[in-house]
Amino acid sequence: MALPELDAPEAFAAPWEAQIFAMVVELHKSGMFEWRDFADRLSRELHAHPDEAYYHCWARAALDLLMEMGLVDEAELLAQSLAVIRYRAQDHHHVARTTPITVVPGQR
């Protein structure tokens, strides 16, 4: 898989895409998971959702892998997602303020 040309303005359509890309690359570099494990999940997501935006599939693949590994708690992820949805429903002009999802060091 070729990585995007990061200096190109069209590499990412939104800041969150660059952030999820960087997060996955850094977690891999730190030894949290093998790249092949992520790439297999990403491939499955892309084939299962061919009309979906690439980085939506990327994010789902990453979260699925991190939850399976026990690095992200599914209930905590759901709570954070609901907080963002509620906040956006109230005010579309500000960034939602949530607490970071905890990644437990040393767990794999």
C-alpha atoms as a PDB file:
ATOM      1  CA  MET A   1       0.000   0.000   0.000  1.00  0.00           C
ATOM      2  CA  ALA A   2       1.428   3.366  -0.983  1.00  0.00           C
ATOM      3  CA  LEU A   3       1.348   6.070   1.662  1.00  0.00           C
ATOM      4  CA  PRO A   4      -0.159   9.435   0.705  1.00  0.00           C
ATOM      5  CA  GLU A   5       2.135  12.234  -0.374  1.00  0.00           C
ATOM      6  CA  LEU A   6       1.893  14.125   2.904  1.00  0.00           C
ATOM      7  CA  ASP A   7       2.994  17.480   1.491  1.00  0.00           C
ATOM      8  CA  ALA A   8       0.300  17.453  -1.189  1.00  0.00           C
ATOM      9  CA  PRO A   9      -2.724  19.599  -0.285  1.00  0.00           C
ATOM     10  CA  GLU A  10      -5.115  16.873  -1.443  1.00  0.00           C
ATOM     11  CA  ALA A  11      -3.514  14.152   0.717  1.00  0.00           C
ATOM     12  CA  PHE A  12      -6.227  14.571   3.367  1.00  0.00           C
ATOM     13  CA  ALA A  13      -9.692  16.061   2.954  1.00  0.00           C
ATOM     14  CA  ALA A  14      -9.952  17.059   6.628  1.00  0.00           C
ATOM     15  CA  PRO A  15      -7.666  17.386   9.656  1.00  0.00           C
ATOM     16  CA  TRP A  16      -9.138  14.303  11.328  1.00  0.00           C
ATOM     17  CA  GLU A  17      -7.969  12.170   8.386  1.00  0.00           C
ATOM     18  CA  ALA A  18      -4.366  13.244   8.902  1.00  0.00           C
ATOM     19  CA  GLN A  19      -4.743  12.665  12.636  1.00  0.00           C
ATOM     20  CA  ILE A  20      -6.113   9.112  12.327  1.00  0.00           C
ATOM     21  CA  PHE A  21      -3.453   8.322   9.736  1.00  0.00           C
ATOM     22  CA  ALA A  22      -0.678   9.570  12.024  1.00  0.00           C
ATOM     23  CA  MET A  23      -2.138   7.805  15.052  1.00  0.00           C
ATOM     24  CA  VAL A  24      -2.156   4.414  13.324  1.00  0.00           C
ATOM     25  CA  VAL A  25       1.364   4.863  11.953  1.00  0.00           C
ATOM     26  CA  GLU A  26       2.723   5.909  15.361  1.00  0.00           C
ATOM     27  CA  LEU A  27       0.999   3.041  17.204  1.00  0.00           C
ATOM     28  CA  HIS A  28       2.520   0.624  14.700  1.00  0.00           C
ATOM     29  CA  LYS A  29       5.973   2.225  15.012  1.00  0.00           C
ATOM     30  CA  SER A  30       5.777   1.905  18.806  1.00  0.00           C
ATOM     31  CA  GLY A  31       5.207  -1.839  18.423  1.00  0.00           C
ATOM     32  CA  MET A  32       1.556  -1.924  19.466  1.00  0.00           C
ATOM     33  CA  PHE A  33       0.596  -4.090  16.466  1.00  0.00           C
ATOM     34  CA  GLU A  34       1.939  -5.570  13.264  1.00  0.00           C
ATOM     35  CA  TRP A  35       1.248  -3.559  10.106  1.00  0.00           C
ATOM     36  CA  ARG A  36      -0.088  -6.671   8.361  1.00  0.00           C
ATOM     37  CA  ASP A  37      -2.829  -7.010  11.010  1.00  0.00           C
ATOM     38  CA  PHE A  38      -3.983  -3.459  10.347  1.00  0.00           C
ATOM     39  CA  ALA A  39      -3.655  -3.756   6.559  1.00  0.00           C
ATOM     40  CA  ASP A  40      -5.799  -6.912   6.525  1.00  0.00           C
ATOM     41  CA  ARG A  41      -8.540  -5.159   8.498  1.00  0.00           C
ATOM     42  CA  LEU A  42      -8.357  -2.089   6.294  1.00  0.00           C
ATOM     43  CA  SER A  43      -8.662  -4.257   3.187  1.00  0.00           C
ATOM     44  CA  ARG A  44     -11.751  -5.978   4.608  1.00  0.00           C
ATOM     45  CA  GLU A  45     -13.318  -2.612   5.468  1.00  0.00           C
ATOM     46  CA  LEU A  46     -12.640  -1.195   2.005  1.00  0.00           C
ATOM     47  CA  HIS A  47     -14.150  -4.249   0.313  1.00  0.00           C
ATOM     48  CA  ALA A  48     -17.159  -4.310   2.652  1.00  0.00           C
ATOM     49  CA  HIS A  49     -17.849  -0.580   2.160  1.00  0.00           C
ATOM     50  CA  PRO A  50     -16.695   0.310  -1.382  1.00  0.00           C
ATOM     51  CA  ASP A  51     -18.676   3.565  -1.491  1.00  0.00           C
ATOM     52  CA  GLU A  52     -17.433   4.825   1.861  1.00  0.00           C
ATOM     53  CA  ALA A  53     -14.683   7.395   2.255  1.00  0.00           C
ATOM     54  CA  TYR A  54     -11.228   5.820   2.559  1.00  0.00           C
ATOM     55  CA  TYR A  55     -10.391   7.284   5.961  1.00  0.00           C
ATOM     56  CA  HIS A  56     -13.750   6.241   7.412  1.00  0.00           C
ATOM     57  CA  CYS A  57     -12.676   2.676   6.606  1.00  0.00           C
ATOM     58  CA  TRP A  58      -9.191   3.410   7.962  1.00  0.00           C
ATOM     59  CA  ALA A  59     -10.656   4.658  11.273  1.00  0.00           C
ATOM     60  CA  ARG A  60     -12.991   1.658  11.624  1.00  0.00           C
ATOM     61  CA  ALA A  61     -10.140  -0.765  10.917  1.00  0.00           C
ATOM     62  CA  ALA A  62      -7.953   0.941  13.515  1.00  0.00           C
ATOM     63  CA  LEU A  63     -10.637   1.020  16.185  1.00  0.00           C
ATOM     64  CA  ASP A  64     -11.593  -2.590  15.545  1.00  0.00           C
ATOM     65  CA  LEU A  65      -7.979  -3.693  15.928  1.00  0.00           C
ATOM     66  CA  LEU A  66      -7.389  -1.601  19.063  1.00  0.00           C
ATOM     67  CA  MET A  67     -10.594  -2.843  20.692  1.00  0.00           C
ATOM     68  CA  GLU A  68      -9.791  -6.468  19.892  1.00  0.00           C
ATOM     69  CA  MET A  69      -6.348  -6.026  21.423  1.00  0.00           C
ATOM     70  CA  GLY A  70      -7.879  -4.507  24.556  1.00  0.00           C
ATOM     71  CA  LEU A  71      -6.139  -1.189  24.005  1.00  0.00           C
ATOM     72  CA  VAL A  72      -9.392   0.756  23.680  1.00  0.00           C
ATOM     73  CA  ASP A  73     -12.462  -0.013  25.761  1.00  0.00           C
ATOM     74  CA  GLU A  74     -15.609  -0.291  23.635  1.00  0.00           C
ATOM     75  CA  ALA A  75     -17.827   1.275  26.307  1.00  0.00           C
ATOM     76  CA  GLU A  76     -15.454   4.238  26.677  1.00  0.00           C
ATOM     77  CA  LEU A  77     -15.356   4.681  22.903  1.00  0.00           C
ATOM     78  CA  LEU A  78     -19.157   4.667  22.744  1.00  0.00           C
ATOM     79  CA  ALA A  79     -19.390   7.204  25.578  1.00  0.00           C
ATOM     80  CA  GLN A  80     -16.923   9.527  23.815  1.00  0.00           C
ATOM     81  CA  SER A  81     -18.763   9.144  20.501  1.00  0.00           C
ATOM     82  CA  LEU A  82     -22.077  10.009  22.128  1.00  0.00           C
ATOM     83  CA  ALA A  83     -20.506  13.048  23.811  1.00  0.00           C
ATOM     84  CA  VAL A  84     -19.345  14.327  20.425  1.00  0.00           C
ATOM     85  CA  ILE A  85     -22.767  13.712  18.863  1.00  0.00           C
ATOM     86  CA  ARG A  86     -24.571  15.506  21.719  1.00  0.00           C
ATOM     87  CA  TYR A  87     -22.147  18.425  21.583  1.00  0.00           C
ATOM     88  CA  ARG A  88     -22.472  18.822  17.835  1.00  0.00           C
ATOM     89  CA  ALA A  89     -26.255  18.728  18.131  1.00  0.00           C
ATOM     90  CA  GLN A  90     -26.057  21.711  20.487  1.00  0.00           C
ATOM     91  CA  ASP A  91     -23.419  23.821  18.763  1.00  0.00           C
ATOM     92  CA  HIS A  92     -22.050  23.244  15.266  1.00  0.00           C
ATOM     93  CA  HIS A  93     -19.412  25.977  15.495  1.00  0.00           C
ATOM     94  CA  HIS A  94     -17.139  24.645  18.223  1.00  0.00           C
ATOM     95  CA  VAL A  95     -14.943  21.623  18.673  1.00  0.00           C
ATOM     96  CA  ALA A  96     -16.335  19.008  21.037  1.00  0.00           C
ATOM     97  CA  ARG A  97     -14.423  18.757  24.290  1.00  0.00           C
ATOM     98  CA  THR A  98     -13.921  15.166  25.319  1.00  0.00           C
ATOM     99  CA  THR A  99     -11.399  13.341  27.399  1.00  0.00           C
ATOM    100  CA  PRO A 100      -8.836  11.289  25.481  1.00  0.00           C
ATOM    101  CA  ILE A 101      -9.506   7.600  25.126  1.00  0.00           C
ATOM    102  CA  THR A 102      -7.047   5.790  27.330  1.00  0.00           C
ATOM    103  CA  VAL A 103      -4.574   3.456  25.679  1.00  0.00           C
ATOM    104  CA  VAL A 104      -3.262   1.107  28.332  1.00  0.00           C
ATOM    105  CA  PRO A 105       0.539   0.971  28.087  1.00  0.00           C
ATOM    106  CA  GLY A 106       2.110  -2.464  27.977  1.00  0.00           C
ATOM    107  CA  GLN A 107      -1.068  -4.255  26.885  1.00  0.00           C
ATOM    108  CA  ARG A 108      -1.018  -6.017  23.543  1.00  0.00           C
END
